[in-house]
Amino acid sequence: MKVLQVKDIERKDVPIYYRRLFSGVLVLELLNKTVERAIDFTIETKPTGIRDILITFSEPVDYPLIPLVQEVKKYLNELDDSGGLPI
């Protein structure tokens, strides 16, 4: 399993400044085939500066959920660090 990209990312308006909501399309490589799934994710910055990422899948994915969520969180964290998410 490999996270290829998250495309069509849109930010949703939220009145809480430390919480950012997004929606997008997750592109995965599973068993040598490409799979796309719609996701919603929230990035919340704690008072300590640590980011907490919550991911919601709109459709089921034929892959164990815990390693999939860990990889997607890692990818989204790197994407946020590099400035790849909408402001």
C-alpha atoms as a PDB file:
ATOM      1  CA  MET A   1       0.000   0.000   0.000  1.00  0.00           C
ATOM      2  CA  LYS A   2       1.262   3.412  -0.947  1.00  0.00           C
ATOM      3  CA  VAL A   3      -0.342   6.857  -0.758  1.00  0.00           C
ATOM      4  CA  LEU A   4       0.199   8.444  -4.167  1.00  0.00           C
ATOM      5  CA  GLN A   5      -1.546  11.782  -3.603  1.00  0.00           C
ATOM      6  CA  VAL A   6      -4.539  13.636  -2.231  1.00  0.00           C
ATOM      7  CA  LYS A   7      -6.121  15.652  -5.019  1.00  0.00           C
ATOM      8  CA  ASP A   8      -8.996  18.126  -5.335  1.00  0.00           C
ATOM      9  CA  ILE A   9      -8.435  19.379  -1.785  1.00  0.00           C
ATOM     10  CA  GLU A  10     -10.977  21.960  -0.653  1.00  0.00           C
ATOM     11  CA  ARG A  11     -10.989  23.762   2.676  1.00  0.00           C
ATOM     12  CA  LYS A  12     -14.274  24.193   4.498  1.00  0.00           C
ATOM     13  CA  ASP A  13     -14.973  27.310   6.560  1.00  0.00           C
ATOM     14  CA  VAL A  14     -14.866  26.737  10.315  1.00  0.00           C
ATOM     15  CA  PRO A  15     -15.159  29.545  12.890  1.00  0.00           C
ATOM     16  CA  ILE A  16     -12.597  27.884  15.185  1.00  0.00           C
ATOM     17  CA  TYR A  17      -9.138  29.130  14.174  1.00  0.00           C
ATOM     18  CA  TYR A  18      -7.160  26.104  15.446  1.00  0.00           C
ATOM     19  CA  ARG A  19      -9.285  23.569  13.539  1.00  0.00           C
ATOM     20  CA  ARG A  20      -9.124  23.209   9.750  1.00  0.00           C
ATOM     21  CA  LEU A  21     -11.526  20.969   7.801  1.00  0.00           C
ATOM     22  CA  PHE A  22     -10.758  19.671   4.322  1.00  0.00           C
ATOM     23  CA  SER A  23     -12.229  17.311   1.752  1.00  0.00           C
ATOM     24  CA  GLY A  24     -10.419  15.647  -1.121  1.00  0.00           C
ATOM     25  CA  VAL A  25      -9.786  12.504  -3.114  1.00  0.00           C
ATOM     26  CA  LEU A  26      -7.207  10.041  -1.813  1.00  0.00           C
ATOM     27  CA  VAL A  27      -5.271   8.157  -4.494  1.00  0.00           C
ATOM     28  CA  LEU A  28      -3.762   4.869  -3.287  1.00  0.00           C
ATOM     29  CA  GLU A  29      -1.785   2.072  -4.851  1.00  0.00           C
ATOM     30  CA  LEU A  30      -3.202  -1.203  -3.514  1.00  0.00           C
ATOM     31  CA  LEU A  31      -1.882  -4.499  -4.847  1.00  0.00           C
ATOM     32  CA  ASN A  32      -0.580  -2.940  -8.081  1.00  0.00           C
ATOM     33  CA  LYS A  33      -3.817  -1.120  -8.895  1.00  0.00           C
ATOM     34  CA  THR A  34      -4.787   2.496  -8.317  1.00  0.00           C
ATOM     35  CA  VAL A  35      -7.778   3.194  -6.076  1.00  0.00           C
ATOM     36  CA  GLU A  36      -9.459   6.565  -5.441  1.00  0.00           C
ATOM     37  CA  ARG A  37     -11.582   7.264  -2.371  1.00  0.00           C
ATOM     38  CA  ALA A  38     -13.241  10.457  -1.166  1.00  0.00           C
ATOM     39  CA  ILE A  39     -12.065  11.556   2.283  1.00  0.00           C
ATOM     40  CA  ASP A  40     -12.724  14.308   4.791  1.00  0.00           C
ATOM     41  CA  PHE A  41      -9.984  15.230   7.211  1.00  0.00           C
ATOM     42  CA  THR A  42      -9.543  17.642  10.082  1.00  0.00           C
ATOM     43  CA  ILE A  43      -6.251  19.102  11.272  1.00  0.00           C
ATOM     44  CA  GLU A  44      -6.470  20.474  14.790  1.00  0.00           C
ATOM     45  CA  THR A  45      -3.528  22.230  16.412  1.00  0.00           C
ATOM     46  CA  LYS A  46      -3.318  21.563  20.136  1.00  0.00           C
ATOM     47  CA  PRO A  47      -2.153  24.285  22.589  1.00  0.00           C
ATOM     48  CA  THR A  48       1.194  22.454  22.765  1.00  0.00           C
ATOM     49  CA  GLY A  49       1.667  22.919  19.003  1.00  0.00           C
ATOM     50  CA  ILE A  50       1.087  19.258  18.147  1.00  0.00           C
ATOM     51  CA  ARG A  51      -1.194  18.556  15.192  1.00  0.00           C
ATOM     52  CA  ASP A  52      -3.981  16.021  15.542  1.00  0.00           C
ATOM     53  CA  ILE A  53      -5.340  14.647  12.256  1.00  0.00           C
ATOM     54  CA  LEU A  54      -8.718  12.922  12.018  1.00  0.00           C
ATOM     55  CA  ILE A  55      -9.619  11.132   8.756  1.00  0.00           C
ATOM     56  CA  THR A  56     -13.078  10.024   7.611  1.00  0.00           C
ATOM     57  CA  PHE A  57     -13.479   7.773   4.575  1.00  0.00           C
ATOM     58  CA  SER A  58     -16.685   8.248   2.555  1.00  0.00           C
ATOM     59  CA  GLU A  59     -16.376   4.786   1.019  1.00  0.00           C
ATOM     60  CA  PRO A  60     -14.899   1.537   2.371  1.00  0.00           C
ATOM     61  CA  VAL A  61     -11.344   0.572   1.426  1.00  0.00           C
ATOM     62  CA  ASP A  62     -10.232  -3.053   1.023  1.00  0.00           C
ATOM     63  CA  TYR A  63      -7.172  -2.677   3.219  1.00  0.00           C
ATOM     64  CA  PRO A  64      -6.529  -2.887   6.994  1.00  0.00           C
ATOM     65  CA  LEU A  65      -7.627   0.450   8.413  1.00  0.00           C
ATOM     66  CA  ILE A  66      -4.934   1.097  11.050  1.00  0.00           C
ATOM     67  CA  PRO A  67      -1.879   1.002   8.726  1.00  0.00           C
ATOM     68  CA  LEU A  68      -3.838   2.899   6.060  1.00  0.00           C
ATOM     69  CA  VAL A  69      -4.771   5.714   8.456  1.00  0.00           C
ATOM     70  CA  GLN A  70      -1.181   5.915   9.746  1.00  0.00           C
ATOM     71  CA  GLU A  71       0.198   6.336   6.215  1.00  0.00           C
ATOM     72  CA  VAL A  72      -2.431   8.904   5.239  1.00  0.00           C
ATOM     73  CA  LYS A  73      -1.766  10.915   8.420  1.00  0.00           C
ATOM     74  CA  LYS A  74       1.958  10.873   7.702  1.00  0.00           C
ATOM     75  CA  TYR A  75       1.338  12.030   4.122  1.00  0.00           C
ATOM     76  CA  LEU A  76      -1.039  14.819   5.217  1.00  0.00           C
ATOM     77  CA  ASN A  77       1.384  15.995   7.906  1.00  0.00           C
ATOM     78  CA  GLU A  78       4.179  16.270   5.327  1.00  0.00           C
ATOM     79  CA  LEU A  79       1.815  18.016   2.900  1.00  0.00           C
ATOM     80  CA  ASP A  80       0.874  20.556   5.573  1.00  0.00           C
ATOM     81  CA  ASP A  81       4.542  21.140   6.482  1.00  0.00           C
ATOM     82  CA  SER A  82       5.416  21.850   2.853  1.00  0.00           C
ATOM     83  CA  GLY A  83       2.487  24.278   2.405  1.00  0.00           C
ATOM     84  CA  GLY A  84       0.541  22.016   0.036  1.00  0.00           C
ATOM     85  CA  LEU A  85      -2.839  22.527   1.717  1.00  0.00           C
ATOM     86  CA  PRO A  86      -5.179  25.407   0.830  1.00  0.00           C
ATOM     87  CA  ILE A  87      -5.123  28.384   3.188  1.00  0.00           C
END
